[in-house]
Amino acid sequence: MQTLSHGAIRAATPGKRGPPLPMPSPTLAAAERLEAALERLLAAIEAREAAREAPTRDMVPRAEVEALSARLDDALARLRLAMAEQTPGGAEP
């Protein structure tokens, strides 16, 4: 919502000189700015939610992530075993 100043309203209506327009109170002006900010915030939240819900091509299927995780766990287990074999006494470091 765009708020026009008193001078802008006067300039936009040449030749139509009625009674002077009342100047908005500071409280009313602050409330209008707050309302505009809340509207922008709501639009940003809605856009973020829409982007979050929309699937992207870059996402990796969950099954692939789980398979990779299992392979990494196996590799870590083999590494721990190899380290234990290399450590004097066979104890884990």
PDB file of N, CA and C in Angstrom:
ATOM      1  N   MET A   1       0.849  -1.167   0.000  1.00  0.00           N
ATOM      2  CA  MET A   1       0.000   0.000   0.000  1.00  0.00           C
ATOM      3  C   MET A   1       0.896   1.231   0.000  1.00  0.00           C
ATOM      4  N   GLN A   2       0.694   2.098  -0.985  1.00  0.00           N
ATOM      5  CA  GLN A   2       1.516   3.292  -1.091  1.00  0.00           C
ATOM      6  C   GLN A   2       0.754   4.471  -0.509  1.00  0.00           C
ATOM      7  N   THR A   3       1.423   5.257   0.317  1.00  0.00           N
ATOM      8  CA  THR A   3       0.811   6.419   0.926  1.00  0.00           C
ATOM      9  C   THR A   3       1.335   7.664   0.223  1.00  0.00           C
ATOM     10  N   LEU A   4       0.427   8.489  -0.243  1.00  0.00           N
ATOM     11  CA  LEU A   4       0.824   9.726  -0.905  1.00  0.00           C
ATOM     12  C   LEU A   4       0.902  10.848   0.114  1.00  0.00           C
ATOM     13  N   SER A   5       1.879  11.690  -0.086  1.00  0.00           N
ATOM     14  CA  SER A   5       2.012  12.835   0.807  1.00  0.00           C
ATOM     15  C   SER A   5       0.961  13.883   0.447  1.00  0.00           C
ATOM     16  N   HIS A   6       0.780  14.816   1.345  1.00  0.00           N
ATOM     17  CA  HIS A   6      -0.178  15.903   1.133  1.00  0.00           C
ATOM     18  C   HIS A   6       0.158  16.664  -0.152  1.00  0.00           C
ATOM     19  N   GLY A   7       1.451  16.938  -0.359  1.00  0.00           N
ATOM     20  CA  GLY A   7       1.875  17.667  -1.558  1.00  0.00           C
ATOM     21  C   GLY A   7       1.646  16.861  -2.824  1.00  0.00           C
ATOM     22  N   ALA A   8       1.859  15.540  -2.766  1.00  0.00           N
ATOM     23  CA  ALA A   8       1.657  14.695  -3.932  1.00  0.00           C
ATOM     24  C   ALA A   8       0.186  14.645  -4.321  1.00  0.00           C
ATOM     25  N   ILE A   9      -0.686  14.626  -3.336  1.00  0.00           N
ATOM     26  CA  ILE A   9      -2.122  14.623  -3.626  1.00  0.00           C
ATOM     27  C   ILE A   9      -2.515  15.948  -4.268  1.00  0.00           C
ATOM     28  N   ARG A  10      -2.000  17.030  -3.741  1.00  0.00           N
ATOM     29  CA  ARG A  10      -2.300  18.356  -4.312  1.00  0.00           C
ATOM     30  C   ARG A  10      -1.788  18.443  -5.749  1.00  0.00           C
ATOM     31  N   ALA A  11      -0.573  17.914  -6.003  1.00  0.00           N
ATOM     32  CA  ALA A  11      -0.002  17.985  -7.342  1.00  0.00           C
ATOM     33  C   ALA A  11      -0.774  17.109  -8.323  1.00  0.00           C
ATOM     34  N   ALA A  12      -1.340  16.023  -7.852  1.00  0.00           N
ATOM     35  CA  ALA A  12      -2.076  15.105  -8.710  1.00  0.00           C
ATOM     36  C   ALA A  12      -3.469  15.617  -9.059  1.00  0.00           C
ATOM     37  N   THR A  13      -3.943  16.615  -8.355  1.00  0.00           N
ATOM     38  CA  THR A  13      -5.282  17.145  -8.610  1.00  0.00           C
ATOM     39  C   THR A  13      -5.215  18.642  -8.878  1.00  0.00           C
ATOM     40  N   PRO A  14      -4.562  19.069  -9.972  1.00  0.00           N
ATOM     41  CA  PRO A  14      -4.457  20.508 -10.241  1.00  0.00           C
ATOM     42  C   PRO A  14      -5.830  21.102 -10.556  1.00  0.00           C
ATOM     43  N   GLY A  15      -6.027  22.297 -10.097  1.00  0.00           N
ATOM     44  CA  GLY A  15      -7.277  23.003 -10.351  1.00  0.00           C
ATOM     45  C   GLY A  15      -8.408  22.602  -9.428  1.00  0.00           C
ATOM     46  N   LYS A  16      -8.262  21.577  -8.677  1.00  0.00           N
ATOM     47  CA  LYS A  16      -9.311  21.130  -7.762  1.00  0.00           C
ATOM     48  C   LYS A  16      -8.893  21.509  -6.355  1.00  0.00           C
ATOM     49  N   ARG A  17      -9.070  22.736  -6.044  1.00  0.00           N
ATOM     50  CA  ARG A  17      -8.656  23.232  -4.728  1.00  0.00           C
ATOM     51  C   ARG A  17      -9.851  23.271  -3.803  1.00  0.00           C
ATOM     52  N   GLY A  18      -9.936  22.285  -2.972  1.00  0.00           N
ATOM     53  CA  GLY A  18     -10.983  22.259  -1.971  1.00  0.00           C
ATOM     54  C   GLY A  18     -10.361  22.650  -0.644  1.00  0.00           C
ATOM     55  N   PRO A  19     -10.998  22.246   0.417  1.00  0.00           N
ATOM     56  CA  PRO A  19     -10.430  22.536   1.722  1.00  0.00           C
ATOM     57  C   PRO A  19      -9.116  21.771   1.886  1.00  0.00           C
ATOM     58  N   PRO A  20      -8.183  22.316   2.635  1.00  0.00           N
ATOM     59  CA  PRO A  20      -6.900  21.635   2.813  1.00  0.00           C
ATOM     60  C   PRO A  20      -7.111  20.246   3.423  1.00  0.00           C
ATOM     61  N   LEU A  21      -6.330  19.311   2.930  1.00  0.00           N
ATOM     62  CA  LEU A  21      -6.417  17.955   3.456  1.00  0.00           C
ATOM     63  C   LEU A  21      -5.734  17.889   4.818  1.00  0.00           C
ATOM     64  N   PRO A  22      -6.309  17.144   5.751  1.00  0.00           N
ATOM     65  CA  PRO A  22      -5.664  17.038   7.058  1.00  0.00           C
ATOM     66  C   PRO A  22      -4.386  16.205   6.942  1.00  0.00           C
ATOM     67  N   MET A  23      -3.389  16.615   7.649  1.00  0.00           N
ATOM     68  CA  MET A  23      -2.125  15.882   7.668  1.00  0.00           C
ATOM     69  C   MET A  23      -2.328  14.635   8.534  1.00  0.00           C
ATOM     70  N   PRO A  24      -1.805  13.487   8.076  1.00  0.00           N
ATOM     71  CA  PRO A  24      -1.967  12.280   8.889  1.00  0.00           C
ATOM     72  C   PRO A  24      -1.183  12.404  10.192  1.00  0.00           C
ATOM     73  N   SER A  25      -1.766  11.840  11.224  1.00  0.00           N
ATOM     74  CA  SER A  25      -1.081  11.889  12.516  1.00  0.00           C
ATOM     75  C   SER A  25       0.112  10.940  12.473  1.00  0.00           C
ATOM     76  N   PRO A  26       1.120  11.201  13.296  1.00  0.00           N
ATOM     77  CA  PRO A  26       2.270  10.296  13.334  1.00  0.00           C
ATOM     78  C   PRO A  26       1.868   8.871  13.700  1.00  0.00           C
ATOM     79  N   THR A  27       0.861   8.741  14.550  1.00  0.00           N
ATOM     80  CA  THR A  27       0.406   7.411  14.948  1.00  0.00           C
ATOM     81  C   THR A  27      -0.230   6.682  13.767  1.00  0.00           C
ATOM     82  N   LEU A  28      -1.051   7.390  12.997  1.00  0.00           N
ATOM     83  CA  LEU A  28      -1.688   6.802  11.831  1.00  0.00           C
ATOM     84  C   LEU A  28      -0.636   6.430  10.785  1.00  0.00           C
ATOM     85  N   ALA A  29       0.331   7.294  10.577  1.00  0.00           N
ATOM     86  CA  ALA A  29       1.392   7.010   9.616  1.00  0.00           C
ATOM     87  C   ALA A  29       2.198   5.782  10.049  1.00  0.00           C
ATOM     88  N   ALA A  30       2.493   5.672  11.338  1.00  0.00           N
ATOM     89  CA  ALA A  30       3.233   4.509  11.852  1.00  0.00           C
ATOM     90  C   ALA A  30       2.406   3.240  11.691  1.00  0.00           C
ATOM     91  N   ALA A  31       1.105   3.335  11.950  1.00  0.00           N
ATOM     92  CA  ALA A  31       0.235   2.168  11.796  1.00  0.00           C
ATOM     93  C   ALA A  31       0.180   1.720  10.334  1.00  0.00           C
ATOM     94  N   GLU A  32       0.141   2.664   9.402  1.00  0.00           N
ATOM     95  CA  GLU A  32       0.142   2.317   7.980  1.00  0.00           C
ATOM     96  C   GLU A  32       1.455   1.660   7.570  1.00  0.00           C
ATOM     97  N   ARG A  33       2.578   2.178   8.082  1.00  0.00           N
ATOM     98  CA  ARG A  33       3.875   1.566   7.771  1.00  0.00           C
ATOM     99  C   ARG A  33       3.958   0.159   8.354  1.00  0.00           C
ATOM    100  N   LEU A  34       3.444  -0.022   9.564  1.00  0.00           N
ATOM    101  CA  LEU A  34       3.444  -1.337  10.202  1.00  0.00           C
ATOM    102  C   LEU A  34       2.586  -2.318   9.408  1.00  0.00           C
ATOM    103  N   GLU A  35       1.419  -1.868   8.976  1.00  0.00           N
ATOM    104  CA  GLU A  35       0.542  -2.727   8.183  1.00  0.00           C
ATOM    105  C   GLU A  35       1.217  -3.128   6.874  1.00  0.00           C
ATOM    106  N   ALA A  36       1.878  -2.197   6.225  1.00  0.00           N
ATOM    107  CA  ALA A  36       2.584  -2.501   4.980  1.00  0.00           C
ATOM    108  C   ALA A  36       3.722  -3.490   5.224  1.00  0.00           C
ATOM    109  N   ALA A  37       4.437  -3.311   6.330  1.00  0.00           N
ATOM    110  CA  ALA A  37       5.533  -4.225   6.658  1.00  0.00           C
ATOM    111  C   ALA A  37       4.998  -5.630   6.939  1.00  0.00           C
ATOM    112  N   LEU A  38       3.874  -5.720   7.634  1.00  0.00           N
ATOM    113  CA  LEU A  38       3.275  -7.022   7.915  1.00  0.00           C
ATOM    114  C   LEU A  38       2.808  -7.706   6.631  1.00  0.00           C
ATOM    115  N   GLU A  39       2.277  -6.940   5.696  1.00  0.00           N
ATOM    116  CA  GLU A  39       1.856  -7.506   4.417  1.00  0.00           C
ATOM    117  C   GLU A  39       3.067  -8.047   3.647  1.00  0.00           C
ATOM    118  N   ARG A  40       4.186  -7.311   3.665  1.00  0.00           N
ATOM    119  CA  ARG A  40       5.403  -7.788   3.004  1.00  0.00           C
ATOM    120  C   ARG A  40       5.929  -9.047   3.686  1.00  0.00           C
ATOM    121  N   LEU A  41       5.887  -9.073   5.011  1.00  0.00           N
ATOM    122  CA  LEU A  41       6.343 -10.236   5.764  1.00  0.00           C
ATOM    123  C   LEU A  41       5.476 -11.457   5.448  1.00  0.00           C
ATOM    124  N   LEU A  42       4.171 -11.288   5.413  1.00  0.00           N
ATOM    125  CA  LEU A  42       3.268 -12.384   5.086  1.00  0.00           C
ATOM    126  C   LEU A  42       3.547 -12.909   3.679  1.00  0.00           C
ATOM    127  N   ALA A  43       3.759 -12.016   2.723  1.00  0.00           N
ATOM    128  CA  ALA A  43       4.065 -12.443   1.355  1.00  0.00           C
ATOM    129  C   ALA A  43       5.373 -13.228   1.315  1.00  0.00           C
ATOM    130  N   ALA A  44       6.370 -12.787   2.074  1.00  0.00           N
ATOM    131  CA  ALA A  44       7.651 -13.494   2.114  1.00  0.00           C
ATOM    132  C   ALA A  44       7.501 -14.876   2.737  1.00  0.00           C
ATOM    133  N   ILE A  45       6.715 -14.976   3.805  1.00  0.00           N
ATOM    134  CA  ILE A  45       6.486 -16.270   4.457  1.00  0.00           C
ATOM    135  C   ILE A  45       5.757 -17.213   3.512  1.00  0.00           C
ATOM    136  N   GLU A  46       4.735 -16.718   2.824  1.00  0.00           N
ATOM    137  CA  GLU A  46       3.987 -17.552   1.888  1.00  0.00           C
ATOM    138  C   GLU A  46       4.886 -18.027   0.753  1.00  0.00           C
ATOM    139  N   ALA A  47       5.756 -17.156   0.249  1.00  0.00           N
ATOM    140  CA  ALA A  47       6.674 -17.543  -0.820  1.00  0.00           C
ATOM    141  C   ALA A  47       7.658 -18.596  -0.329  1.00  0.00           C
ATOM    142  N   ARG A  48       8.146 -18.439   0.895  1.00  0.00           N
ATOM    143  CA  ARG A  48       9.086 -19.409   1.452  1.00  0.00           C
ATOM    144  C   ARG A  48       8.422 -20.764   1.642  1.00  0.00           C
ATOM    145  N   GLU A  49       7.193 -20.774   2.150  1.00  0.00           N
ATOM    146  CA  GLU A  49       6.464 -22.024   2.335  1.00  0.00           C
ATOM    147  C   GLU A  49       6.196 -22.702   0.995  1.00  0.00           C
ATOM    148  N   ALA A  50       5.825 -21.926  -0.013  1.00  0.00           N
ATOM    149  CA  ALA A  50       5.570 -22.493  -1.336  1.00  0.00           C
ATOM    150  C   ALA A  50       6.846 -23.099  -1.909  1.00  0.00           C
ATOM    151  N   ALA A  51       7.976 -22.438  -1.703  1.00  0.00           N
ATOM    152  CA  ALA A  51       9.251 -22.960  -2.197  1.00  0.00           C
ATOM    153  C   ALA A  51       9.643 -24.224  -1.447  1.00  0.00           C
ATOM    154  N   ARG A  52       9.349 -24.280  -0.169  1.00  0.00           N
ATOM    155  CA  ARG A  52       9.690 -25.453   0.642  1.00  0.00           C
ATOM    156  C   ARG A  52       8.849 -26.663   0.220  1.00  0.00           C
ATOM    157  N   GLU A  53       7.588 -26.436  -0.114  1.00  0.00           N
ATOM    158  CA  GLU A  53       6.701 -27.525  -0.483  1.00  0.00           C
ATOM    159  C   GLU A  53       6.939 -28.015  -1.902  1.00  0.00           C
ATOM    160  N   ALA A  54       7.454 -27.159  -2.752  1.00  0.00           N
ATOM    161  CA  ALA A  54       7.672 -27.541  -4.143  1.00  0.00           C
ATOM    162  C   ALA A  54       8.918 -28.421  -4.239  1.00  0.00           C
ATOM    163  N   PRO A  55       8.774 -29.611  -4.810  1.00  0.00           N
ATOM    164  CA  PRO A  55       9.955 -30.470  -4.948  1.00  0.00           C
ATOM    165  C   PRO A  55      10.917 -29.878  -5.973  1.00  0.00           C
ATOM    166  N   THR A  56      12.170 -30.056  -5.710  1.00  0.00           N
ATOM    167  CA  THR A  56      13.175 -29.568  -6.648  1.00  0.00           C
ATOM    168  C   THR A  56      13.896 -30.753  -7.262  1.00  0.00           C
ATOM    169  N   ARG A  57      14.491 -30.557  -8.389  1.00  0.00           N
ATOM    170  CA  ARG A  57      15.217 -31.618  -9.073  1.00  0.00           C
ATOM    171  C   ARG A  57      16.528 -31.941  -8.378  1.00  0.00           C
ATOM    172  N   ASP A  58      17.007 -31.052  -7.533  1.00  0.00           N
ATOM    173  CA  ASP A  58      18.280 -31.250  -6.863  1.00  0.00           C
ATOM    174  C   ASP A  58      18.180 -32.177  -5.657  1.00  0.00           C
ATOM    175  N   MET A  59      16.969 -32.494  -5.242  1.00  0.00           N
ATOM    176  CA  MET A  59      16.800 -33.317  -4.045  1.00  0.00           C
ATOM    177  C   MET A  59      17.185 -34.761  -4.345  1.00  0.00           C
ATOM    178  N   VAL A  60      17.846 -35.398  -3.374  1.00  0.00           N
ATOM    179  CA  VAL A  60      18.266 -36.787  -3.509  1.00  0.00           C
ATOM    180  C   VAL A  60      17.203 -37.662  -2.857  1.00  0.00           C
ATOM    181  N   PRO A  61      16.802 -38.750  -3.533  1.00  0.00           N
ATOM    182  CA  PRO A  61      15.810 -39.642  -2.932  1.00  0.00           C
ATOM    183  C   PRO A  61      16.299 -40.204  -1.596  1.00  0.00           C
ATOM    184  N   ARG A  62      15.383 -40.346  -0.681  1.00  0.00           N
ATOM    185  CA  ARG A  62      15.712 -40.807   0.668  1.00  0.00           C
ATOM    186  C   ARG A  62      16.410 -42.166   0.648  1.00  0.00           C
ATOM    187  N   ALA A  63      15.988 -43.066  -0.224  1.00  0.00           N
ATOM    188  CA  ALA A  63      16.601 -44.398  -0.293  1.00  0.00           C
ATOM    189  C   ALA A  63      18.090 -44.295  -0.644  1.00  0.00           C
ATOM    190  N   GLU A  64      18.431 -43.373  -1.532  1.00  0.00           N
ATOM    191  CA  GLU A  64      19.843 -43.197  -1.892  1.00  0.00           C
ATOM    192  C   GLU A  64      20.651 -42.665  -0.714  1.00  0.00           C
ATOM    193  N   VAL A  65      20.064 -41.761   0.031  1.00  0.00           N
ATOM    194  CA  VAL A  65      20.748 -41.205   1.205  1.00  0.00           C
ATOM    195  C   VAL A  65      20.968 -42.301   2.244  1.00  0.00           C
ATOM    196  N   GLU A  66      19.959 -43.132   2.455  1.00  0.00           N
ATOM    197  CA  GLU A  66      20.081 -44.210   3.423  1.00  0.00           C
ATOM    198  C   GLU A  66      21.128 -45.236   2.983  1.00  0.00           C
ATOM    199  N   ALA A  67      21.195 -45.533   1.685  1.00  0.00           N
ATOM    200  CA  ALA A  67      22.198 -46.482   1.180  1.00  0.00           C
ATOM    201  C   ALA A  67      23.606 -45.909   1.364  1.00  0.00           C
ATOM    202  N   LEU A  68      23.772 -44.633   1.068  1.00  0.00           N
ATOM    203  CA  LEU A  68      25.077 -43.998   1.260  1.00  0.00           C
ATOM    204  C   LEU A  68      25.465 -44.004   2.732  1.00  0.00           C
ATOM    205  N   SER A  69      24.500 -43.739   3.589  1.00  0.00           N
ATOM    206  CA  SER A  69      24.754 -43.743   5.026  1.00  0.00           C
ATOM    207  C   SER A  69      25.212 -45.122   5.491  1.00  0.00           C
ATOM    208  N   ALA A  70      24.569 -46.170   4.994  1.00  0.00           N
ATOM    209  CA  ALA A  70      24.952 -47.536   5.365  1.00  0.00           C
ATOM    210  C   ALA A  70      26.368 -47.854   4.888  1.00  0.00           C
ATOM    211  N   ARG A  71      26.696 -47.429   3.663  1.00  0.00           N
ATOM    212  CA  ARG A  71      28.057 -47.670   3.151  1.00  0.00           C
ATOM    213  C   ARG A  71      29.096 -46.930   3.977  1.00  0.00           C
ATOM    214  N   LEU A  72      28.772 -45.701   4.384  1.00  0.00           N
ATOM    215  CA  LEU A  72      29.707 -44.936   5.223  1.00  0.00           C
ATOM    216  C   LEU A  72      29.887 -45.603   6.588  1.00  0.00           C
ATOM    217  N   ASP A  73      28.790 -46.106   7.163  1.00  0.00           N
ATOM    218  CA  ASP A  73      28.894 -46.817   8.447  1.00  0.00           C
ATOM    219  C   ASP A  73      29.787 -48.044   8.316  1.00  0.00           C
ATOM    220  N   ASP A  74      29.634 -48.795   7.204  1.00  0.00           N
ATOM    221  CA  ASP A  74      30.484 -49.969   6.969  1.00  0.00           C
ATOM    222  C   ASP A  74      31.955 -49.562   6.836  1.00  0.00           C
ATOM    223  N   ALA A  75      32.199 -48.489   6.097  1.00  0.00           N
ATOM    224  CA  ALA A  75      33.571 -48.027   5.914  1.00  0.00           C
ATOM    225  C   ALA A  75      34.181 -47.606   7.249  1.00  0.00           C
ATOM    226  N   LEU A  76      33.400 -46.927   8.078  1.00  0.00           N
ATOM    227  CA  LEU A  76      33.902 -46.525   9.398  1.00  0.00           C
ATOM    228  C   LEU A  76      34.200 -47.745  10.269  1.00  0.00           C
ATOM    229  N   ALA A  77      33.357 -48.766  10.198  1.00  0.00           N
ATOM    230  CA  ALA A  77      33.585 -49.986  10.984  1.00  0.00           C
ATOM    231  C   ALA A  77      34.870 -50.676  10.538  1.00  0.00           C
ATOM    232  N   ARG A  78      35.097 -50.752   9.215  1.00  0.00           N
ATOM    233  CA  ARG A  78      36.339 -51.353   8.719  1.00  0.00           C
ATOM    234  C   ARG A  78      37.554 -50.536   9.139  1.00  0.00           C
ATOM    235  N   LEU A  79      37.439 -49.214   9.104  1.00  0.00           N
ATOM    236  CA  LEU A  79      38.543 -48.345   9.518  1.00  0.00           C
ATOM    237  C   LEU A  79      38.862 -48.545  10.995  1.00  0.00           C
ATOM    238  N   ARG A  80      37.827 -48.619  11.823  1.00  0.00           N
ATOM    239  CA  ARG A  80      38.058 -48.850  13.259  1.00  0.00           C
ATOM    240  C   ARG A  80      38.753 -50.199  13.492  1.00  0.00           C
ATOM    241  N   LEU A  81      38.321 -51.219  12.742  1.00  0.00           N
ATOM    242  CA  LEU A  81      38.937 -52.540  12.871  1.00  0.00           C
ATOM    243  C   LEU A  81      40.400 -52.496  12.448  1.00  0.00           C
ATOM    244  N   ALA A  82      40.672 -51.832  11.344  1.00  0.00           N
ATOM    245  CA  ALA A  82      42.056 -51.727  10.872  1.00  0.00           C
ATOM    246  C   ALA A  82      42.913 -50.956  11.869  1.00  0.00           C
ATOM    247  N   MET A  83      42.359 -49.899  12.437  1.00  0.00           N
ATOM    248  CA  MET A  83      43.121 -49.131  13.431  1.00  0.00           C
ATOM    249  C   MET A  83      43.392 -49.978  14.681  1.00  0.00           C
ATOM    250  N   ALA A  84      42.393 -50.771  15.075  1.00  0.00           N
ATOM    251  CA  ALA A  84      42.570 -51.615  16.260  1.00  0.00           C
ATOM    252  C   ALA A  84      43.656 -52.668  16.012  1.00  0.00           C
ATOM    253  N   GLU A  85      43.724 -53.181  14.796  1.00  0.00           N
ATOM    254  CA  GLU A  85      44.744 -54.179  14.456  1.00  0.00           C
ATOM    255  C   GLU A  85      46.142 -53.555  14.446  1.00  0.00           C
ATOM    256  N   GLN A  86      46.232 -52.280  14.097  1.00  0.00           N
ATOM    257  CA  GLN A  86      47.529 -51.611  14.032  1.00  0.00           C
ATOM    258  C   GLN A  86      48.003 -51.096  15.381  1.00  0.00           C
ATOM    259  N   THR A  87      47.078 -50.983  16.315  1.00  0.00           N
ATOM    260  CA  THR A  87      47.412 -50.463  17.639  1.00  0.00           C
ATOM    261  C   THR A  87      48.015 -51.593  18.471  1.00  0.00           C
ATOM    262  N   PRO A  88      49.148 -51.306  19.166  1.00  0.00           N
ATOM    263  CA  PRO A  88      49.736 -52.345  20.021  1.00  0.00           C
ATOM    264  C   PRO A  88      48.723 -52.833  21.051  1.00  0.00           C
ATOM    265  N   GLY A  89      48.601 -54.136  21.201  1.00  0.00           N
ATOM    266  CA  GLY A  89      47.661 -54.711  22.149  1.00  0.00           C
ATOM    267  C   GLY A  89      46.279 -54.891  21.570  1.00  0.00           C
ATOM    268  N   GLY A  90      46.035 -54.357  20.354  1.00  0.00           N
ATOM    269  CA  GLY A  90      44.750 -54.538  19.680  1.00  0.00           C
ATOM    270  C   GLY A  90      43.614 -53.709  20.230  1.00  0.00           C
ATOM    271  N   ALA A  91      43.900 -52.804  21.157  1.00  0.00           N
ATOM    272  CA  ALA A  91      42.838 -51.967  21.746  1.00  0.00           C
ATOM    273  C   ALA A  91      42.557 -50.793  20.811  1.00  0.00           C
ATOM    274  N   GLU A  92      41.323 -50.334  20.852  1.00  0.00           N
ATOM    275  CA  GLU A  92      40.982 -49.160  20.054  1.00  0.00           C
ATOM    276  C   GLU A  92      41.653 -47.929  20.656  1.00  0.00           C
ATOM    277  N   PRO A  93      42.064 -47.009  19.798  1.00  0.00           N
ATOM    278  CA  PRO A  93      42.728 -45.797  20.329  1.00  0.00           C
ATOM    279  C   PRO A  93      41.777 -44.939  21.116  1.00  0.00           C
TER     280      PRO A  93
END
